[in-house]
Each structure stands twice: as structure tokens, then as C-alpha cells.
Amino acid sequence: MKTLNQTQARATVDTGLLPILSAVAAGVFLIYFTGFAQAAQYHDSAHDTRHTLAFPCH
């Protein structure tokens, strides 16, 4: 019974890290994508956010 509890605790920790890493990766990709996008709609939708984060766009 003791081994079963340790296995369950380890599985919870391992699966808890994947959503966090996925969210960080998605955020970095979106900031990078909108930062260098040339289309006007992408530029306009993220304009204020980029300047808030000190990301140059002009």
C-alpha cells in the first residue's frame, strides 16, 4: 500500500508540469509570431501589448 501512494504522488507531480510548460511555450510562440508578423490585423491586435512588454514593432 505504501508503494501505491508514492506512485500516485509522483504521477500527479509529473502531469502537473506538462500544462505549465505547454502554456509557456504557447505564450512565447504567440508573442514571437505577433511580434514579427507583417499583416496589419496581427499588428493592430497586439500593438499595445507589445509596447507594454517593451517589444519594438516599428
PDB file of N, CA and C in Angstrom:
ATOM      1  N   MET A   1       0.814  -1.198   0.000  1.00  0.00           N
ATOM      2  CA  MET A   1       0.000   0.000   0.000  1.00  0.00           C
ATOM      3  C   MET A   1       0.858   1.263   0.000  1.00  0.00           C
ATOM      4  N   LYS A   2       1.987   1.219   0.647  1.00  0.00           N
ATOM      5  CA  LYS A   2       2.856   2.382   0.684  1.00  0.00           C
ATOM      6  C   LYS A   2       3.416   2.722  -0.702  1.00  0.00           C
ATOM      7  N   THR A   3       3.768   1.725  -1.475  1.00  0.00           N
ATOM      8  CA  THR A   3       4.283   1.947  -2.820  1.00  0.00           C
ATOM      9  C   THR A   3       3.226   2.578  -3.724  1.00  0.00           C
ATOM     10  N   LEU A   4       1.994   2.155  -3.587  1.00  0.00           N
ATOM     11  CA  LEU A   4       0.904   2.704  -4.391  1.00  0.00           C
ATOM     12  C   LEU A   4       0.732   4.196  -4.135  1.00  0.00           C
ATOM     13  N   ASN A   5       0.813   4.622  -2.891  1.00  0.00           N
ATOM     14  CA  ASN A   5       0.669   6.043  -2.573  1.00  0.00           C
ATOM     15  C   ASN A   5       1.821   6.864  -3.149  1.00  0.00           C
ATOM     16  N   GLN A   6       3.035   6.344  -3.108  1.00  0.00           N
ATOM     17  CA  GLN A   6       4.166   7.066  -3.669  1.00  0.00           C
ATOM     18  C   GLN A   6       4.039   7.189  -5.188  1.00  0.00           C
ATOM     19  N   THR A   7       3.556   6.160  -5.830  1.00  0.00           N
ATOM     20  CA  THR A   7       3.373   6.193  -7.275  1.00  0.00           C
ATOM     21  C   THR A   7       2.322   7.226  -7.662  1.00  0.00           C
ATOM     22  N   GLN A   8       1.244   7.292  -6.922  1.00  0.00           N
ATOM     23  CA  GLN A   8       0.203   8.266  -7.223  1.00  0.00           C
ATOM     24  C   GLN A   8       0.712   9.691  -7.029  1.00  0.00           C
ATOM     25  N   ALA A   9       1.497   9.939  -6.007  1.00  0.00           N
ATOM     26  CA  ALA A   9       2.027  11.278  -5.770  1.00  0.00           C
ATOM     27  C   ALA A   9       2.987  11.679  -6.895  1.00  0.00           C
ATOM     28  N   ARG A  10       3.801  10.767  -7.340  1.00  0.00           N
ATOM     29  CA  ARG A  10       4.750  11.063  -8.412  1.00  0.00           C
ATOM     30  C   ARG A  10       4.017  11.351  -9.722  1.00  0.00           C
ATOM     31  N   ALA A  11       2.987  10.601 -10.022  1.00  0.00           N
ATOM     32  CA  ALA A  11       2.225  10.810 -11.250  1.00  0.00           C
ATOM     33  C   ALA A  11       1.555  12.178 -11.247  1.00  0.00           C
ATOM     34  N   THR A  12       1.085  12.632 -10.106  1.00  0.00           N
ATOM     35  CA  THR A  12       0.447  13.936 -10.013  1.00  0.00           C
ATOM     36  C   THR A  12       1.453  15.050 -10.285  1.00  0.00           C
ATOM     37  N   VAL A  13       2.653  14.921  -9.770  1.00  0.00           N
ATOM     38  CA  VAL A  13       3.679  15.935  -9.990  1.00  0.00           C
ATOM     39  C   VAL A  13       4.100  15.957 -11.456  1.00  0.00           C
ATOM     40  N   ASP A  14       4.296  14.809 -12.064  1.00  0.00           N
ATOM     41  CA  ASP A  14       4.718  14.743 -13.459  1.00  0.00           C
ATOM     42  C   ASP A  14       3.667  15.321 -14.402  1.00  0.00           C
ATOM     43  N   THR A  15       2.407  15.014 -14.190  1.00  0.00           N
ATOM     44  CA  THR A  15       1.370  15.519 -15.084  1.00  0.00           C
ATOM     45  C   THR A  15       1.064  16.983 -14.824  1.00  0.00           C
ATOM     46  N   GLY A  16       1.402  17.510 -13.668  1.00  0.00           N
ATOM     47  CA  GLY A  16       1.155  18.914 -13.372  1.00  0.00           C
ATOM     48  C   GLY A  16       2.118  19.843 -14.083  1.00  0.00           C
ATOM     49  N   LEU A  17       3.261  19.346 -14.481  1.00  0.00           N
ATOM     50  CA  LEU A  17       4.259  20.175 -15.141  1.00  0.00           C
ATOM     51  C   LEU A  17       3.970  20.356 -16.632  1.00  0.00           C
ATOM     52  N   LEU A  18       3.369  19.393 -17.251  1.00  0.00           N
ATOM     53  CA  LEU A  18       3.094  19.464 -18.691  1.00  0.00           C
ATOM     54  C   LEU A  18       2.178  20.630 -19.071  1.00  0.00           C
ATOM     55  N   PRO A  19       1.063  20.871 -18.385  1.00  0.00           N
ATOM     56  CA  PRO A  19       0.226  22.021 -18.765  1.00  0.00           C
ATOM     57  C   PRO A  19       0.938  23.361 -18.585  1.00  0.00           C
ATOM     58  N   ILE A  20       1.776  23.454 -17.579  1.00  0.00           N
ATOM     59  CA  ILE A  20       2.506  24.703 -17.359  1.00  0.00           C
ATOM     60  C   ILE A  20       3.494  24.948 -18.493  1.00  0.00           C
ATOM     61  N   LEU A  21       4.244  23.931 -18.844  1.00  0.00           N
ATOM     62  CA  LEU A  21       5.203  24.076 -19.943  1.00  0.00           C
ATOM     63  C   LEU A  21       4.504  24.335 -21.273  1.00  0.00           C
ATOM     64  N   SER A  22       3.364  23.715 -21.475  1.00  0.00           N
ATOM     65  CA  SER A  22       2.601  23.938 -22.707  1.00  0.00           C
ATOM     66  C   SER A  22       2.108  25.379 -22.791  1.00  0.00           C
ATOM     67  N   ALA A  23       1.623  25.909 -21.676  1.00  0.00           N
ATOM     68  CA  ALA A  23       1.136  27.286 -21.660  1.00  0.00           C
ATOM     69  C   ALA A  23       2.269  28.278 -21.906  1.00  0.00           C
ATOM     70  N   VAL A  24       3.422  28.031 -21.305  1.00  0.00           N
ATOM     71  CA  VAL A  24       4.575  28.911 -21.519  1.00  0.00           C
ATOM     72  C   VAL A  24       5.024  28.856 -22.978  1.00  0.00           C
ATOM     73  N   ALA A  25       5.095  27.660 -23.539  1.00  0.00           N
ATOM     74  CA  ALA A  25       5.507  27.517 -24.938  1.00  0.00           C
ATOM     75  C   ALA A  25       4.522  28.214 -25.873  1.00  0.00           C
ATOM     76  N   ALA A  26       3.230  28.065 -25.611  1.00  0.00           N
ATOM     77  CA  ALA A  26       2.222  28.725 -26.447  1.00  0.00           C
ATOM     78  C   ALA A  26       2.330  30.243 -26.332  1.00  0.00           C
ATOM     79  N   GLY A  27       2.544  30.749 -25.133  1.00  0.00           N
ATOM     80  CA  GLY A  27       2.683  32.188 -24.937  1.00  0.00           C
ATOM     81  C   GLY A  27       3.889  32.760 -25.650  1.00  0.00           C
ATOM     82  N   VAL A  28       5.013  32.072 -25.539  1.00  0.00           N
ATOM     83  CA  VAL A  28       6.226  32.528 -26.223  1.00  0.00           C
ATOM     84  C   VAL A  28       6.021  32.510 -27.737  1.00  0.00           C
ATOM     85  N   PHE A  29       5.402  31.466 -28.246  1.00  0.00           N
ATOM     86  CA  PHE A  29       5.147  31.382 -29.681  1.00  0.00           C
ATOM     87  C   PHE A  29       4.237  32.519 -30.144  1.00  0.00           C
ATOM     88  N   LEU A  30       3.174  32.794 -29.393  1.00  0.00           N
ATOM     89  CA  LEU A  30       2.244  33.846 -29.801  1.00  0.00           C
ATOM     90  C   LEU A  30       2.898  35.224 -29.777  1.00  0.00           C
ATOM     91  N   ILE A  31       3.695  35.497 -28.759  1.00  0.00           N
ATOM     92  CA  ILE A  31       4.373  36.790 -28.705  1.00  0.00           C
ATOM     93  C   ILE A  31       5.366  36.914 -29.856  1.00  0.00           C
ATOM     94  N   TYR A  32       6.110  35.863 -30.113  1.00  0.00           N
ATOM     95  CA  TYR A  32       7.078  35.888 -31.213  1.00  0.00           C
ATOM     96  C   TYR A  32       6.364  36.043 -32.558  1.00  0.00           C
ATOM     97  N   PHE A  33       5.272  35.293 -32.756  1.00  0.00           N
ATOM     98  CA  PHE A  33       4.536  35.332 -34.021  1.00  0.00           C
ATOM     99  C   PHE A  33       3.950  36.712 -34.281  1.00  0.00           C
ATOM    100  N   THR A  34       3.286  37.283 -33.287  1.00  0.00           N
ATOM    101  CA  THR A  34       2.668  38.589 -33.498  1.00  0.00           C
ATOM    102  C   THR A  34       3.700  39.701 -33.528  1.00  0.00           C
ATOM    103  N   GLY A  35       4.847  39.465 -32.917  1.00  0.00           N
ATOM    104  CA  GLY A  35       5.881  40.500 -32.921  1.00  0.00           C
ATOM    105  C   GLY A  35       6.501  40.717 -34.285  1.00  0.00           C
ATOM    106  N   PHE A  36       6.620  39.669 -35.055  1.00  0.00           N
ATOM    107  CA  PHE A  36       7.262  39.776 -36.360  1.00  0.00           C
ATOM    108  C   PHE A  36       6.286  39.635 -37.523  1.00  0.00           C
ATOM    109  N   ALA A  37       5.007  39.573 -37.242  1.00  0.00           N
ATOM    110  CA  ALA A  37       4.013  39.451 -38.305  1.00  0.00           C
ATOM    111  C   ALA A  37       3.897  40.773 -39.053  1.00  0.00           C
ATOM    112  N   GLN A  38       3.738  40.693 -40.346  1.00  0.00           N
ATOM    113  CA  GLN A  38       3.625  41.893 -41.168  1.00  0.00           C
ATOM    114  C   GLN A  38       2.172  42.263 -41.476  1.00  0.00           C
ATOM    115  N   ALA A  39       1.246  41.353 -41.239  1.00  0.00           N
ATOM    116  CA  ALA A  39      -0.160  41.634 -41.541  1.00  0.00           C
ATOM    117  C   ALA A  39      -0.697  42.698 -40.581  1.00  0.00           C
ATOM    118  N   ALA A  40      -1.478  43.605 -41.098  1.00  0.00           N
ATOM    119  CA  ALA A  40      -1.989  44.718 -40.299  1.00  0.00           C
ATOM    120  C   ALA A  40      -2.896  44.253 -39.167  1.00  0.00           C
ATOM    121  N   GLN A  41      -3.731  43.246 -39.400  1.00  0.00           N
ATOM    122  CA  GLN A  41      -4.636  42.805 -38.343  1.00  0.00           C
ATOM    123  C   GLN A  41      -3.883  42.197 -37.163  1.00  0.00           C
ATOM    124  N   TYR A  42      -2.782  41.494 -37.426  1.00  0.00           N
ATOM    125  CA  TYR A  42      -1.975  40.963 -36.319  1.00  0.00           C
ATOM    126  C   TYR A  42      -1.291  42.106 -35.574  1.00  0.00           C
ATOM    127  N   HIS A  43      -0.783  43.046 -36.334  1.00  0.00           N
ATOM    128  CA  HIS A  43      -0.101  44.187 -35.729  1.00  0.00           C
ATOM    129  C   HIS A  43      -1.052  44.982 -34.850  1.00  0.00           C
ATOM    130  N   ASP A  44      -2.221  45.295 -35.363  1.00  0.00           N
ATOM    131  CA  ASP A  44      -3.173  46.107 -34.620  1.00  0.00           C
ATOM    132  C   ASP A  44      -3.717  45.389 -33.389  1.00  0.00           C
ATOM    133  N   SER A  45      -3.915  44.085 -33.476  1.00  0.00           N
ATOM    134  CA  SER A  45      -4.494  43.360 -32.341  1.00  0.00           C
ATOM    135  C   SER A  45      -3.529  43.243 -31.173  1.00  0.00           C
ATOM    136  N   ALA A  46      -2.246  43.285 -31.424  1.00  0.00           N
ATOM    137  CA  ALA A  46      -1.276  43.113 -30.343  1.00  0.00           C
ATOM    138  C   ALA A  46      -0.413  44.351 -30.125  1.00  0.00           C
ATOM    139  N   HIS A  47      -0.772  45.462 -30.709  1.00  0.00           N
ATOM    140  CA  HIS A  47       0.067  46.657 -30.676  1.00  0.00           C
ATOM    141  C   HIS A  47       0.351  47.146 -29.263  1.00  0.00           C
ATOM    142  N   ASP A  48      -0.680  47.376 -28.479  1.00  0.00           N
ATOM    143  CA  ASP A  48      -0.483  47.910 -27.132  1.00  0.00           C
ATOM    144  C   ASP A  48       0.241  46.924 -26.229  1.00  0.00           C
ATOM    145  N   THR A  49      -0.055  45.646 -26.382  1.00  0.00           N
ATOM    146  CA  THR A  49       0.609  44.634 -25.563  1.00  0.00           C
ATOM    147  C   THR A  49       2.096  44.596 -25.861  1.00  0.00           C
ATOM    148  N   ARG A  50       2.459  44.696 -27.114  1.00  0.00           N
ATOM    149  CA  ARG A  50       3.883  44.677 -27.466  1.00  0.00           C
ATOM    150  C   ARG A  50       4.614  45.864 -26.864  1.00  0.00           C
ATOM    151  N   HIS A  51       4.012  47.039 -26.928  1.00  0.00           N
ATOM    152  CA  HIS A  51       4.676  48.204 -26.357  1.00  0.00           C
ATOM    153  C   HIS A  51       4.741  48.117 -24.838  1.00  0.00           C
ATOM    154  N   THR A  52       3.744  47.532 -24.205  1.00  0.00           N
ATOM    155  CA  THR A  52       3.772  47.332 -22.759  1.00  0.00           C
ATOM    156  C   THR A  52       4.921  46.421 -22.361  1.00  0.00           C
ATOM    157  N   LEU A  53       5.204  45.416 -23.169  1.00  0.00           N
ATOM    158  CA  LEU A  53       6.285  44.471 -22.884  1.00  0.00           C
ATOM    159  C   LEU A  53       7.630  44.941 -23.436  1.00  0.00           C
ATOM    160  N   ALA A  54       7.705  46.177 -23.925  1.00  0.00           N
ATOM    161  CA  ALA A  54       8.927  46.755 -24.485  1.00  0.00           C
ATOM    162  C   ALA A  54       9.415  45.985 -25.704  1.00  0.00           C
ATOM    163  N   PHE A  55       8.484  45.488 -26.501  1.00  0.00           N
ATOM    164  CA  PHE A  55       8.810  44.767 -27.731  1.00  0.00           C
ATOM    165  C   PHE A  55       8.627  45.733 -28.888  1.00  0.00           C
ATOM    166  N   PRO A  56       9.681  46.133 -29.559  1.00  0.00           N
ATOM    167  CA  PRO A  56       9.541  47.114 -30.637  1.00  0.00           C
ATOM    168  C   PRO A  56       8.810  46.531 -31.841  1.00  0.00           C
ATOM    169  N   CYS A  57       7.995  47.343 -32.461  1.00  0.00           N
ATOM    170  CA  CYS A  57       7.270  46.856 -33.635  1.00  0.00           C
ATOM    171  C   CYS A  57       7.328  47.847 -34.788  1.00  0.00           C
ATOM    172  N   HIS A  58       7.994  48.948 -34.630  1.00  0.00           N
ATOM    173  CA  HIS A  58       8.083  49.938 -35.713  1.00  0.00           C
ATOM    174  C   HIS A  58       9.509  50.087 -36.150  1.00  0.00           C
TER     175      HIS A  58
END
